[in-house]
Amino acid sequence: MKKLLFWLAGVIFLFALTPPKVSAWQEEVSYGIKAGLNSSIFTDFRRKGDFVEDPLDAYRPLLVDYRSSAKAGMALGSFFNIPVDYHTFIQSEIMYFRRGAKSSASKEEDSAVFGEYLYEDEQVLSLSYLELVFLFMRDNPISEYSSLNWHTGLSLAFNLKAEVERDFRYIEYEDGDIVKDISEVGTFDVKEGVRPVDISVVAGVGYTFNRYTIELRSDYSLYALSFSDIDLYNEYYNLKLLLNIDL
């Protein structure tokens, strides 16, 4: 709730700094297509810095710290722009996009408690969504052919597909000899462990020239991506770069 209030306060502040400008009011609804890229990353791991049970060997807890990195995906869709007054619009969008993240962990230890072992785990999470976006947009003309806009709103993203590509290996040694060697390599369906609907707060800016608009937008998920305690996926942060074309 605090995060949502922070976003709303920021948006109200930006609107307060933006004086209205007189321009020709576009009375009819406009529409178009949009495409671009988004970069997503984990904002948190549910079990980061805690004892994580090896999913392939439940009898050995390991102290493993997972590191995350961004993953790029595509975005395609369409939009409808409904004017409210000279410089205010309501924009609705429907989009198909792909996002995900990468995580990795590596640990080698020789201790009296855990013995001698090597633990390596790399995962690439790939997700596909159908997204409905509802935005409140403030447009500020710069010239006769260009303008700058601020926009904010909410998105509802419906999960279509969720897969993890994993490369896991665990080796246990005793007196220098390998006594256990476990590996798991492949692509696995994890759709059952991912929330079917993701709700995010959206905020961004855009620059319009003639029929073309370039947008830089951030999405912040209000809920953990996974509702399963054994999964590592948690809240998401997305940054989108989009090109809109009015038709």
Foldseek 3Di string as FASTA:
>chain_A
DVVVVVVVVVVVVVVVVDDDDADDADQDKWKFKKKFKKKKKFPDWPQAQHFAADPVHNVATDRKHKDKDIDMKMKIWMKIWHDDDRFKIKMKIKMKMKGWIKMWIWDFDDDPVRHTKTWIKIKTKMWIWIKIWIKIKGWADPDNFKIKMKIKGKMKIFTDFIKMFMWIWMFHDDPRHTPDIDIDGDMDGPVVFFDRIWMWIKIWMWMGGHFKIWIWMKIWTPWFGGPDPNDTGGTMIMIIIMMIGID
